[in-house]
Amino acid sequence: MGIIVESKCTNCGFNKRLAFGGGRHNHNVNNPVPALDEQTGSLESPNYYEHKDNPRYSFYTDSKLKSNTEKDQNLNWGNLYLSPTNNYCPSCQTYNLMFWSNIFTD
């Protein structure tokens, strides 16, 4: 079961809705994970299976985009974890971006 996550920066107000994890019928081939597109600076959810080694994307499940690198299991899909707080904001370049689950998808 995938998750639709909301993101919001407590510093600048930036917000975006993103997919996290695949659904029941396609989870083996499609796993969207919130990431920073290093070329455009935008927040996206590319397919982790296809892009995990692509230098264009930095995934929010990696420590690079978190100021708190402890494994926080509040938001996870399999062995991929999103920290609910203290994530890098692409808009204001601070570590004030929050993630929380909004809708579960199938």
PDB file of N, CA and C in Angstrom:
ATOM      1  N   MET A   1       0.840  -1.177   0.000  1.00  0.00           N
ATOM      2  CA  MET A   1       0.000   0.000   0.000  1.00  0.00           C
ATOM      3  C   MET A   1       0.885   1.239   0.000  1.00  0.00           C
ATOM      4  N   GLY A   2       0.671   2.127  -0.938  1.00  0.00           N
ATOM      5  CA  GLY A   2       1.426   3.372  -1.008  1.00  0.00           C
ATOM      6  C   GLY A   2       0.795   4.450  -0.151  1.00  0.00           C
ATOM      7  N   ILE A   3       1.473   5.567  -0.081  1.00  0.00           N
ATOM      8  CA  ILE A   3       1.028   6.686   0.739  1.00  0.00           C
ATOM      9  C   ILE A   3       1.109   7.964  -0.099  1.00  0.00           C
ATOM     10  N   ILE A   4       0.127   8.824   0.057  1.00  0.00           N
ATOM     11  CA  ILE A   4       0.238  10.192  -0.439  1.00  0.00           C
ATOM     12  C   ILE A   4       0.694  11.006   0.761  1.00  0.00           C
ATOM     13  N   VAL A   5       1.841  11.664   0.628  1.00  0.00           N
ATOM     14  CA  VAL A   5       2.353  12.476   1.724  1.00  0.00           C
ATOM     15  C   VAL A   5       2.219  13.950   1.373  1.00  0.00           C
ATOM     16  N   GLU A   6       1.973  14.721   2.394  1.00  0.00           N
ATOM     17  CA  GLU A   6       1.964  16.175   2.277  1.00  0.00           C
ATOM     18  C   GLU A   6       3.316  16.670   2.765  1.00  0.00           C
ATOM     19  N   SER A   7       3.808  17.722   2.155  1.00  0.00           N
ATOM     20  CA  SER A   7       5.035  18.349   2.631  1.00  0.00           C
ATOM     21  C   SER A   7       4.761  19.834   2.824  1.00  0.00           C
ATOM     22  N   LYS A   8       5.395  20.397   3.856  1.00  0.00           N
ATOM     23  CA  LYS A   8       5.258  21.827   4.092  1.00  0.00           C
ATOM     24  C   LYS A   8       6.486  22.330   4.838  1.00  0.00           C
ATOM     25  N   CYS A   9       6.987  23.471   4.389  1.00  0.00           N
ATOM     26  CA  CYS A   9       8.109  24.107   5.057  1.00  0.00           C
ATOM     27  C   CYS A   9       7.579  25.074   6.114  1.00  0.00           C
ATOM     28  N   THR A  10       8.064  24.915   7.335  1.00  0.00           N
ATOM     29  CA  THR A  10       7.638  25.807   8.416  1.00  0.00           C
ATOM     30  C   THR A  10       8.324  27.166   8.348  1.00  0.00           C
ATOM     31  N   ASN A  11       9.331  27.293   7.480  1.00  0.00           N
ATOM     32  CA  ASN A  11      10.032  28.565   7.327  1.00  0.00           C
ATOM     33  C   ASN A  11       9.398  29.442   6.248  1.00  0.00           C
ATOM     34  N   CYS A  12       9.173  28.878   5.052  1.00  0.00           N
ATOM     35  CA  CYS A  12       8.699  29.709   3.931  1.00  0.00           C
ATOM     36  C   CYS A  12       7.282  29.374   3.459  1.00  0.00           C
ATOM     37  N   GLY A  13       6.692  28.282   3.949  1.00  0.00           N
ATOM     38  CA  GLY A  13       5.337  27.921   3.567  1.00  0.00           C
ATOM     39  C   GLY A  13       5.230  27.049   2.322  1.00  0.00           C
ATOM     40  N   PHE A  14       6.366  26.732   1.678  1.00  0.00           N
ATOM     41  CA  PHE A  14       6.338  25.853   0.509  1.00  0.00           C
ATOM     42  C   PHE A  14       5.590  24.574   0.868  1.00  0.00           C
ATOM     43  N   ASN A  15       4.748  24.079  -0.056  1.00  0.00           N
ATOM     44  CA  ASN A  15       4.050  22.813   0.196  1.00  0.00           C
ATOM     45  C   ASN A  15       3.821  22.068  -1.110  1.00  0.00           C
ATOM     46  N   LYS A  16       3.744  20.748  -0.990  1.00  0.00           N
ATOM     47  CA  LYS A  16       3.502  19.910  -2.155  1.00  0.00           C
ATOM     48  C   LYS A  16       3.006  18.548  -1.698  1.00  0.00           C
ATOM     49  N   ARG A  17       2.107  17.967  -2.484  1.00  0.00           N
ATOM     50  CA  ARG A  17       1.599  16.612  -2.256  1.00  0.00           C
ATOM     51  C   ARG A  17       2.392  15.659  -3.143  1.00  0.00           C
ATOM     52  N   LEU A  18       2.843  14.533  -2.560  1.00  0.00           N
ATOM     53  CA  LEU A  18       3.717  13.597  -3.259  1.00  0.00           C
ATOM     54  C   LEU A  18       3.319  12.152  -2.996  1.00  0.00           C
ATOM     55  N   ALA A  19       3.651  11.277  -3.932  1.00  0.00           N
ATOM     56  CA  ALA A  19       3.441   9.839  -3.755  1.00  0.00           C
ATOM     57  C   ALA A  19       4.658   9.235  -3.067  1.00  0.00           C
ATOM     58  N   PHE A  20       4.408   8.221  -2.241  1.00  0.00           N
ATOM     59  CA  PHE A  20       5.485   7.498  -1.558  1.00  0.00           C
ATOM     60  C   PHE A  20       5.103   6.026  -1.490  1.00  0.00           C
ATOM     61  N   GLY A  21       5.791   5.199  -2.256  1.00  0.00           N
ATOM     62  CA  GLY A  21       5.534   3.758  -2.256  1.00  0.00           C
ATOM     63  C   GLY A  21       4.535   3.331  -3.309  1.00  0.00           C
ATOM     64  N   GLY A  22       4.683   2.093  -3.736  1.00  0.00           N
ATOM     65  CA  GLY A  22       3.837   1.548  -4.787  1.00  0.00           C
ATOM     66  C   GLY A  22       2.537   0.966  -4.269  1.00  0.00           C
ATOM     67  N   GLY A  23       1.633   0.719  -5.184  1.00  0.00           N
ATOM     68  CA  GLY A  23       0.343   0.130  -4.848  1.00  0.00           C
ATOM     69  C   GLY A  23       0.385  -1.391  -4.881  1.00  0.00           C
ATOM     70  N   ARG A  24      -0.693  -2.003  -4.520  1.00  0.00           N
ATOM     71  CA  ARG A  24      -0.788  -3.458  -4.428  1.00  0.00           C
ATOM     72  C   ARG A  24      -0.463  -4.147  -5.746  1.00  0.00           C
ATOM     73  N   HIS A  25      -0.886  -3.577  -6.854  1.00  0.00           N
ATOM     74  CA  HIS A  25      -0.734  -4.243  -8.142  1.00  0.00           C
ATOM     75  C   HIS A  25       0.574  -3.927  -8.866  1.00  0.00           C
ATOM     76  N   ASN A  26       1.275  -2.883  -8.445  1.00  0.00           N
ATOM     77  CA  ASN A  26       2.478  -2.514  -9.200  1.00  0.00           C
ATOM     78  C   ASN A  26       3.703  -2.242  -8.320  1.00  0.00           C
ATOM     79  N   HIS A  27       3.663  -2.606  -7.052  1.00  0.00           N
ATOM     80  CA  HIS A  27       4.749  -2.254  -6.136  1.00  0.00           C
ATOM     81  C   HIS A  27       6.100  -2.881  -6.497  1.00  0.00           C
ATOM     82  N   ASN A  28       6.107  -3.927  -7.305  1.00  0.00           N
ATOM     83  CA  ASN A  28       7.370  -4.548  -7.699  1.00  0.00           C
ATOM     84  C   ASN A  28       8.086  -3.782  -8.809  1.00  0.00           C
ATOM     85  N   VAL A  29       7.367  -2.913  -9.510  1.00  0.00           N
ATOM     86  CA  VAL A  29       7.967  -2.165 -10.620  1.00  0.00           C
ATOM     87  C   VAL A  29       7.848  -0.650 -10.462  1.00  0.00           C
ATOM     88  N   ASN A  30       6.960  -0.191  -9.575  1.00  0.00           N
ATOM     89  CA  ASN A  30       6.752   1.245  -9.398  1.00  0.00           C
ATOM     90  C   ASN A  30       6.811   1.594  -7.917  1.00  0.00           C
ATOM     91  N   ASN A  31       7.779   2.418  -7.563  1.00  0.00           N
ATOM     92  CA  ASN A  31       7.954   2.832  -6.180  1.00  0.00           C
ATOM     93  C   ASN A  31       8.303   4.323  -6.141  1.00  0.00           C
ATOM     94  N   PRO A  32       7.295   5.197  -6.240  1.00  0.00           N
ATOM     95  CA  PRO A  32       7.592   6.622  -6.181  1.00  0.00           C
ATOM     96  C   PRO A  32       8.075   7.027  -4.787  1.00  0.00           C
ATOM     97  N   VAL A  33       9.136   7.816  -4.767  1.00  0.00           N
ATOM     98  CA  VAL A  33       9.727   8.266  -3.501  1.00  0.00           C
ATOM     99  C   VAL A  33      10.061   9.757  -3.639  1.00  0.00           C
ATOM    100  N   PRO A  34       9.682  10.577  -2.650  1.00  0.00           N
ATOM    101  CA  PRO A  34      10.011  12.002  -2.717  1.00  0.00           C
ATOM    102  C   PRO A  34      11.515  12.227  -2.904  1.00  0.00           C
ATOM    103  N   ALA A  35      11.836  13.123  -3.841  1.00  0.00           N
ATOM    104  CA  ALA A  35      13.231  13.399  -4.170  1.00  0.00           C
ATOM    105  C   ALA A  35      13.384  14.836  -4.644  1.00  0.00           C
ATOM    106  N   LEU A  36      14.599  15.328  -4.517  1.00  0.00           N
ATOM    107  CA  LEU A  36      14.965  16.628  -5.057  1.00  0.00           C
ATOM    108  C   LEU A  36      15.581  16.399  -6.427  1.00  0.00           C
ATOM    109  N   ASP A  37      15.027  17.041  -7.449  1.00  0.00           N
ATOM    110  CA  ASP A  37      15.613  17.001  -8.783  1.00  0.00           C
ATOM    111  C   ASP A  37      16.759  18.004  -8.777  1.00  0.00           C
ATOM    112  N   GLU A  38      17.975  17.504  -8.836  1.00  0.00           N
ATOM    113  CA  GLU A  38      19.162  18.355  -8.729  1.00  0.00           C
ATOM    114  C   GLU A  38      19.317  19.301  -9.914  1.00  0.00           C
ATOM    115  N   GLN A  39      18.718  18.970 -11.055  1.00  0.00           N
ATOM    116  CA  GLN A  39      18.821  19.833 -12.230  1.00  0.00           C
ATOM    117  C   GLN A  39      17.856  21.004 -12.174  1.00  0.00           C
ATOM    118  N   THR A  40      16.645  20.757 -11.691  1.00  0.00           N
ATOM    119  CA  THR A  40      15.627  21.807 -11.686  1.00  0.00           C
ATOM    120  C   THR A  40      15.393  22.409 -10.298  1.00  0.00           C
ATOM    121  N   GLY A  41      15.823  21.717  -9.245  1.00  0.00           N
ATOM    122  CA  GLY A  41      15.578  22.171  -7.885  1.00  0.00           C
ATOM    123  C   GLY A  41      14.166  21.899  -7.407  1.00  0.00           C
ATOM    124  N   SER A  42      13.408  21.093  -8.157  1.00  0.00           N
ATOM    125  CA  SER A  42      12.012  20.834  -7.793  1.00  0.00           C
ATOM    126  C   SER A  42      11.883  19.554  -6.967  1.00  0.00           C
ATOM    127  N   LEU A  43      10.815  19.499  -6.205  1.00  0.00           N
ATOM    128  CA  LEU A  43      10.470  18.343  -5.393  1.00  0.00           C
ATOM    129  C   LEU A  43       9.561  17.450  -6.221  1.00  0.00           C
ATOM    130  N   GLU A  44       9.944  16.185  -6.397  1.00  0.00           N
ATOM    131  CA  GLU A  44       9.213  15.240  -7.241  1.00  0.00           C
ATOM    132  C   GLU A  44       9.135  13.883  -6.558  1.00  0.00           C
ATOM    133  N   SER A  45       8.440  12.936  -7.197  1.00  0.00           N
ATOM    134  CA  SER A  45       8.385  11.551  -6.730  1.00  0.00           C
ATOM    135  C   SER A  45       8.720  10.600  -7.875  1.00  0.00           C
ATOM    136  N   PRO A  46       9.996  10.533  -8.280  1.00  0.00           N
ATOM    137  CA  PRO A  46      10.358   9.605  -9.350  1.00  0.00           C
ATOM    138  C   PRO A  46      10.336   8.158  -8.852  1.00  0.00           C
ATOM    139  N   ASN A  47      10.285   7.237  -9.784  1.00  0.00           N
ATOM    140  CA  ASN A  47      10.297   5.812  -9.454  1.00  0.00           C
ATOM    141  C   ASN A  47      11.685   5.450  -8.902  1.00  0.00           C
ATOM    142  N   TYR A  48      11.732   5.059  -7.648  1.00  0.00           N
ATOM    143  CA  TYR A  48      12.991   4.732  -6.978  1.00  0.00           C
ATOM    144  C   TYR A  48      13.722   3.589  -7.680  1.00  0.00           C
ATOM    145  N   TYR A  49      12.983   2.587  -8.135  1.00  0.00           N
ATOM    146  CA  TYR A  49      13.612   1.446  -8.802  1.00  0.00           C
ATOM    147  C   TYR A  49      14.377   1.885 -10.052  1.00  0.00           C
ATOM    148  N   GLU A  50      13.849   2.834 -10.781  1.00  0.00           N
ATOM    149  CA  GLU A  50      14.481   3.288 -12.018  1.00  0.00           C
ATOM    150  C   GLU A  50      15.564   4.342 -11.793  1.00  0.00           C
ATOM    151  N   HIS A  51      15.466   5.110 -10.711  1.00  0.00           N
ATOM    152  CA  HIS A  51      16.340   6.276 -10.561  1.00  0.00           C
ATOM    153  C   HIS A  51      17.208   6.284  -9.305  1.00  0.00           C
ATOM    154  N   LYS A  52      17.245   5.199  -8.541  1.00  0.00           N
ATOM    155  CA  LYS A  52      17.986   5.229  -7.273  1.00  0.00           C
ATOM    156  C   LYS A  52      19.479   5.505  -7.458  1.00  0.00           C
ATOM    157  N   ASP A  53      20.049   5.166  -8.604  1.00  0.00           N
ATOM    158  CA  ASP A  53      21.465   5.423  -8.862  1.00  0.00           C
ATOM    159  C   ASP A  53      21.684   6.594  -9.820  1.00  0.00           C
ATOM    160  N   ASN A  54      20.617   7.312 -10.141  1.00  0.00           N
ATOM    161  CA  ASN A  54      20.691   8.441 -11.065  1.00  0.00           C
ATOM    162  C   ASN A  54      21.127   9.687 -10.293  1.00  0.00           C
ATOM    163  N   PRO A  55      22.269  10.293 -10.655  1.00  0.00           N
ATOM    164  CA  PRO A  55      22.733  11.468  -9.910  1.00  0.00           C
ATOM    165  C   PRO A  55      21.816  12.689 -10.038  1.00  0.00           C
ATOM    166  N   ARG A  56      20.865  12.625 -10.936  1.00  0.00           N
ATOM    167  CA  ARG A  56      19.922  13.740 -11.074  1.00  0.00           C
ATOM    168  C   ARG A  56      19.044  13.882  -9.832  1.00  0.00           C
ATOM    169  N   TYR A  57      18.770  12.756  -9.140  1.00  0.00           N
ATOM    170  CA  TYR A  57      17.848  12.793  -7.997  1.00  0.00           C
ATOM    171  C   TYR A  57      18.554  12.511  -6.682  1.00  0.00           C
ATOM    172  N   SER A  58      18.206  13.305  -5.683  1.00  0.00           N
ATOM    173  CA  SER A  58      18.586  13.037  -4.297  1.00  0.00           C
ATOM    174  C   SER A  58      17.293  12.708  -3.562  1.00  0.00           C
ATOM    175  N   PHE A  59      17.220  11.499  -3.032  1.00  0.00           N
ATOM    176  CA  PHE A  59      15.985  11.042  -2.392  1.00  0.00           C
ATOM    177  C   PHE A  59      15.941  11.458  -0.924  1.00  0.00           C
ATOM    178  N   TYR A  60      14.750  11.812  -0.481  1.00  0.00           N
ATOM    179  CA  TYR A  60      14.550  12.222   0.904  1.00  0.00           C
ATOM    180  C   TYR A  60      14.655  11.060   1.878  1.00  0.00           C
ATOM    181  N   THR A  61      14.824   9.848   1.386  1.00  0.00           N
ATOM    182  CA  THR A  61      15.065   8.698   2.240  1.00  0.00           C
ATOM    183  C   THR A  61      16.548   8.567   2.565  1.00  0.00           C
ATOM    184  N   ASP A  62      17.404   9.340   1.897  1.00  0.00           N
ATOM    185  CA  ASP A  62      18.843   9.351   2.163  1.00  0.00           C
ATOM    186  C   ASP A  62      19.176  10.463   3.156  1.00  0.00           C
ATOM    187  N   SER A  63      20.289  10.329   3.837  1.00  0.00           N
ATOM    188  CA  SER A  63      20.647  11.294   4.888  1.00  0.00           C
ATOM    189  C   SER A  63      21.020  12.675   4.345  1.00  0.00           C
ATOM    190  N   LYS A  64      21.356  12.783   3.068  1.00  0.00           N
ATOM    191  CA  LYS A  64      21.793  14.054   2.485  1.00  0.00           C
ATOM    192  C   LYS A  64      20.778  15.185   2.674  1.00  0.00           C
ATOM    193  N   LEU A  65      19.487  14.872   2.639  1.00  0.00           N
ATOM    194  CA  LEU A  65      18.442  15.894   2.698  1.00  0.00           C
ATOM    195  C   LEU A  65      17.778  16.007   4.069  1.00  0.00           C
ATOM    196  N   LYS A  66      18.380  15.385   5.076  1.00  0.00           N
ATOM    197  CA  LYS A  66      17.833  15.428   6.433  1.00  0.00           C
ATOM    198  C   LYS A  66      18.848  16.053   7.370  1.00  0.00           C
ATOM    199  N   SER A  67      18.396  16.915   8.269  1.00  0.00           N
ATOM    200  CA  SER A  67      19.325  17.413   9.278  1.00  0.00           C
ATOM    201  C   SER A  67      19.384  16.455  10.461  1.00  0.00           C
ATOM    202  N   ASN A  68      18.370  15.649  10.628  1.00  0.00           N
ATOM    203  CA  ASN A  68      18.339  14.623  11.660  1.00  0.00           C
ATOM    204  C   ASN A  68      18.493  13.283  10.944  1.00  0.00           C
ATOM    205  N   THR A  69      19.633  12.630  11.103  1.00  0.00           N
ATOM    206  CA  THR A  69      19.901  11.411  10.345  1.00  0.00           C
ATOM    207  C   THR A  69      19.494  10.137  11.072  1.00  0.00           C
ATOM    208  N   GLU A  70      18.871  10.255  12.240  1.00  0.00           N
ATOM    209  CA  GLU A  70      18.368   9.068  12.915  1.00  0.00           C
ATOM    210  C   GLU A  70      17.231   8.471  12.098  1.00  0.00           C
ATOM    211  N   LYS A  71      17.169   7.146  12.059  1.00  0.00           N
ATOM    212  CA  LYS A  71      16.100   6.475  11.316  1.00  0.00           C
ATOM    213  C   LYS A  71      14.783   6.700  12.048  1.00  0.00           C
ATOM    214  N   ASP A  72      13.905   7.431  11.437  1.00  0.00           N
ATOM    215  CA  ASP A  72      12.603   7.721  12.010  1.00  0.00           C
ATOM    216  C   ASP A  72      11.586   6.876  11.271  1.00  0.00           C
ATOM    217  N   GLN A  73      10.927   5.992  11.971  1.00  0.00           N
ATOM    218  CA  GLN A  73      10.047   5.037  11.325  1.00  0.00           C
ATOM    219  C   GLN A  73       8.597   5.495  11.240  1.00  0.00           C
ATOM    220  N   ASN A  74       8.348   6.769  11.411  1.00  0.00           N
ATOM    221  CA  ASN A  74       6.973   7.246  11.317  1.00  0.00           C
ATOM    222  C   ASN A  74       6.421   7.168   9.904  1.00  0.00           C
ATOM    223  N   LEU A  75       7.250   7.388   8.898  1.00  0.00           N
ATOM    224  CA  LEU A  75       6.823   7.295   7.503  1.00  0.00           C
ATOM    225  C   LEU A  75       7.777   6.357   6.783  1.00  0.00           C
ATOM    226  N   ASN A  76       7.302   5.165   6.456  1.00  0.00           N
ATOM    227  CA  ASN A  76       8.168   4.246   5.746  1.00  0.00           C
ATOM    228  C   ASN A  76       7.383   3.463   4.711  1.00  0.00           C
ATOM    229  N   TRP A  77       8.112   2.989   3.721  1.00  0.00           N
ATOM    230  CA  TRP A  77       7.596   2.057   2.735  1.00  0.00           C
ATOM    231  C   TRP A  77       8.704   1.038   2.540  1.00  0.00           C
ATOM    232  N   GLY A  78       8.465  -0.176   3.035  1.00  0.00           N
ATOM    233  CA  GLY A  78       9.517  -1.186   3.034  1.00  0.00           C
ATOM    234  C   GLY A  78      10.659  -0.712   3.916  1.00  0.00           C
ATOM    235  N   ASN A  79      11.869  -0.705   3.378  1.00  0.00           N
ATOM    236  CA  ASN A  79      13.034  -0.261   4.156  1.00  0.00           C
ATOM    237  C   ASN A  79      13.441   1.174   3.835  1.00  0.00           C
ATOM    238  N   LEU A  80      12.536   1.938   3.250  1.00  0.00           N
ATOM    239  CA  LEU A  80      12.779   3.346   2.948  1.00  0.00           C
ATOM    240  C   LEU A  80      12.028   4.208   3.957  1.00  0.00           C
ATOM    241  N   TYR A  81      12.734   5.148   4.569  1.00  0.00           N
ATOM    242  CA  TYR A  81      12.165   5.961   5.640  1.00  0.00           C
ATOM    243  C   TYR A  81      12.234   7.445   5.309  1.00  0.00           C
ATOM    244  N   LEU A  82      11.117   8.127   5.531  1.00  0.00           N
ATOM    245  CA  LEU A  82      11.071   9.586   5.439  1.00  0.00           C
ATOM    246  C   LEU A  82      11.040  10.150   6.851  1.00  0.00           C
ATOM    247  N   SER A  83      11.869  11.118   7.104  1.00  0.00           N
ATOM    248  CA  SER A  83      11.830  11.801   8.391  1.00  0.00           C
ATOM    249  C   SER A  83      10.681  12.803   8.369  1.00  0.00           C
ATOM    250  N   PRO A  84       9.829  12.816   9.380  1.00  0.00           N
ATOM    251  CA  PRO A  84       8.703  13.755   9.386  1.00  0.00           C
ATOM    252  C   PRO A  84       9.121  15.223   9.505  1.00  0.00           C
ATOM    253  N   THR A  85      10.273  15.496  10.085  1.00  0.00           N
ATOM    254  CA  THR A  85      10.698  16.876  10.304  1.00  0.00           C
ATOM    255  C   THR A  85      12.154  17.074   9.876  1.00  0.00           C
ATOM    256  N   ASN A  86      12.539  18.331   9.779  1.00  0.00           N
ATOM    257  CA  ASN A  86      13.940  18.722   9.545  1.00  0.00           C
ATOM    258  C   ASN A  86      14.512  18.227   8.224  1.00  0.00           C
ATOM    259  N   ASN A  87      13.712  18.314   7.163  1.00  0.00           N
ATOM    260  CA  ASN A  87      14.158  17.959   5.827  1.00  0.00           C
ATOM    261  C   ASN A  87      14.476  19.220   5.034  1.00  0.00           C
ATOM    262  N   TYR A  88      15.309  19.062   4.007  1.00  0.00           N
ATOM    263  CA  TYR A  88      15.737  20.180   3.167  1.00  0.00           C
ATOM    264  C   TYR A  88      14.559  20.725   2.351  1.00  0.00           C
ATOM    265  N   CYS A  89      14.373  22.033   2.393  1.00  0.00           N
ATOM    266  CA  CYS A  89      13.332  22.689   1.606  1.00  0.00           C
ATOM    267  C   CYS A  89      13.951  23.230   0.314  1.00  0.00           C
ATOM    268  N   PRO A  90      13.434  22.820  -0.858  1.00  0.00           N
ATOM    269  CA  PRO A  90      13.995  23.309  -2.114  1.00  0.00           C
ATOM    270  C   PRO A  90      13.688  24.781  -2.388  1.00  0.00           C
ATOM    271  N   SER A  91      12.737  25.336  -1.673  1.00  0.00           N
ATOM    272  CA  SER A  91      12.358  26.722  -1.897  1.00  0.00           C
ATOM    273  C   SER A  91      13.258  27.704  -1.149  1.00  0.00           C
ATOM    274  N   CYS A  92      13.464  27.477   0.143  1.00  0.00           N
ATOM    275  CA  CYS A  92      14.248  28.427   0.944  1.00  0.00           C
ATOM    276  C   CYS A  92      15.605  27.879   1.379  1.00  0.00           C
ATOM    277  N   GLN A  93      15.923  26.656   0.998  1.00  0.00           N
ATOM    278  CA  GLN A  93      17.206  26.016   1.286  1.00  0.00           C
ATOM    279  C   GLN A  93      17.524  25.909   2.783  1.00  0.00           C
ATOM    280  N   THR A  94      16.485  25.704   3.610  1.00  0.00           N
ATOM    281  CA  THR A  94      16.678  25.435   5.033  1.00  0.00           C
ATOM    282  C   THR A  94      16.204  24.010   5.317  1.00  0.00           C
ATOM    283  N   TYR A  95      16.426  23.532   6.514  1.00  0.00           N
ATOM    284  CA  TYR A  95      15.989  22.184   6.900  1.00  0.00           C
ATOM    285  C   TYR A  95      14.724  22.277   7.753  1.00  0.00           C
ATOM    286  N   ASN A  96      13.677  22.833   7.155  1.00  0.00           N
ATOM    287  CA  ASN A  96      12.404  23.030   7.853  1.00  0.00           C
ATOM    288  C   ASN A  96      11.232  22.361   7.147  1.00  0.00           C
ATOM    289  N   LEU A  97      11.497  21.459   6.205  1.00  0.00           N
ATOM    290  CA  LEU A  97      10.423  20.791   5.473  1.00  0.00           C
ATOM    291  C   LEU A  97       9.909  19.603   6.279  1.00  0.00           C
ATOM    292  N   MET A  98       8.599  19.530   6.395  1.00  0.00           N
ATOM    293  CA  MET A  98       7.942  18.434   7.119  1.00  0.00           C
ATOM    294  C   MET A  98       7.214  17.530   6.128  1.00  0.00           C
ATOM    295  N   PHE A  99       7.122  16.243   6.451  1.00  0.00           N
ATOM    296  CA  PHE A  99       6.309  15.276   5.703  1.00  0.00           C
ATOM    297  C   PHE A  99       5.331  14.614   6.658  1.00  0.00           C
ATOM    298  N   TRP A 100       4.104  14.381   6.193  1.00  0.00           N
ATOM    299  CA  TRP A 100       3.155  13.583   6.964  1.00  0.00           C
ATOM    300  C   TRP A 100       2.240  12.852   5.993  1.00  0.00           C
ATOM    301  N   SER A 101       1.761  11.701   6.444  1.00  0.00           N
ATOM    302  CA  SER A 101       0.891  10.892   5.578  1.00  0.00           C
ATOM    303  C   SER A 101      -0.490  11.511   5.518  1.00  0.00           C
ATOM    304  N   ASN A 102      -1.081  11.453   4.338  1.00  0.00           N
ATOM    305  CA  ASN A 102      -2.386  12.042   4.133  1.00  0.00           C
ATOM    306  C   ASN A 102      -3.402  10.978   3.703  1.00  0.00           C
ATOM    307  N   ILE A 103      -3.045  10.204   2.688  1.00  0.00           N
ATOM    308  CA  ILE A 103      -3.963   9.222   2.118  1.00  0.00           C
ATOM    309  C   ILE A 103      -3.185   7.945   1.835  1.00  0.00           C
ATOM    310  N   PHE A 104      -3.774   6.803   2.108  1.00  0.00           N
ATOM    311  CA  PHE A 104      -3.173   5.529   1.727  1.00  0.00           C
ATOM    312  C   PHE A 104      -3.755   5.126   0.382  1.00  0.00           C
ATOM    313  N   THR A 105      -2.890   4.614  -0.501  1.00  0.00           N
ATOM    314  CA  THR A 105      -3.331   4.209  -1.843  1.00  0.00           C
ATOM    315  C   THR A 105      -3.152   2.711  -2.001  1.00  0.00           C
ATOM    316  N   ASP A 106      -3.834   2.154  -2.955  1.00  0.00           N
ATOM    317  CA  ASP A 106      -3.735   0.715  -3.172  1.00  0.00           C
ATOM    318  C   ASP A 106      -3.397   0.434  -4.572  1.00  0.00           C
TER     319      ASP A 106
END
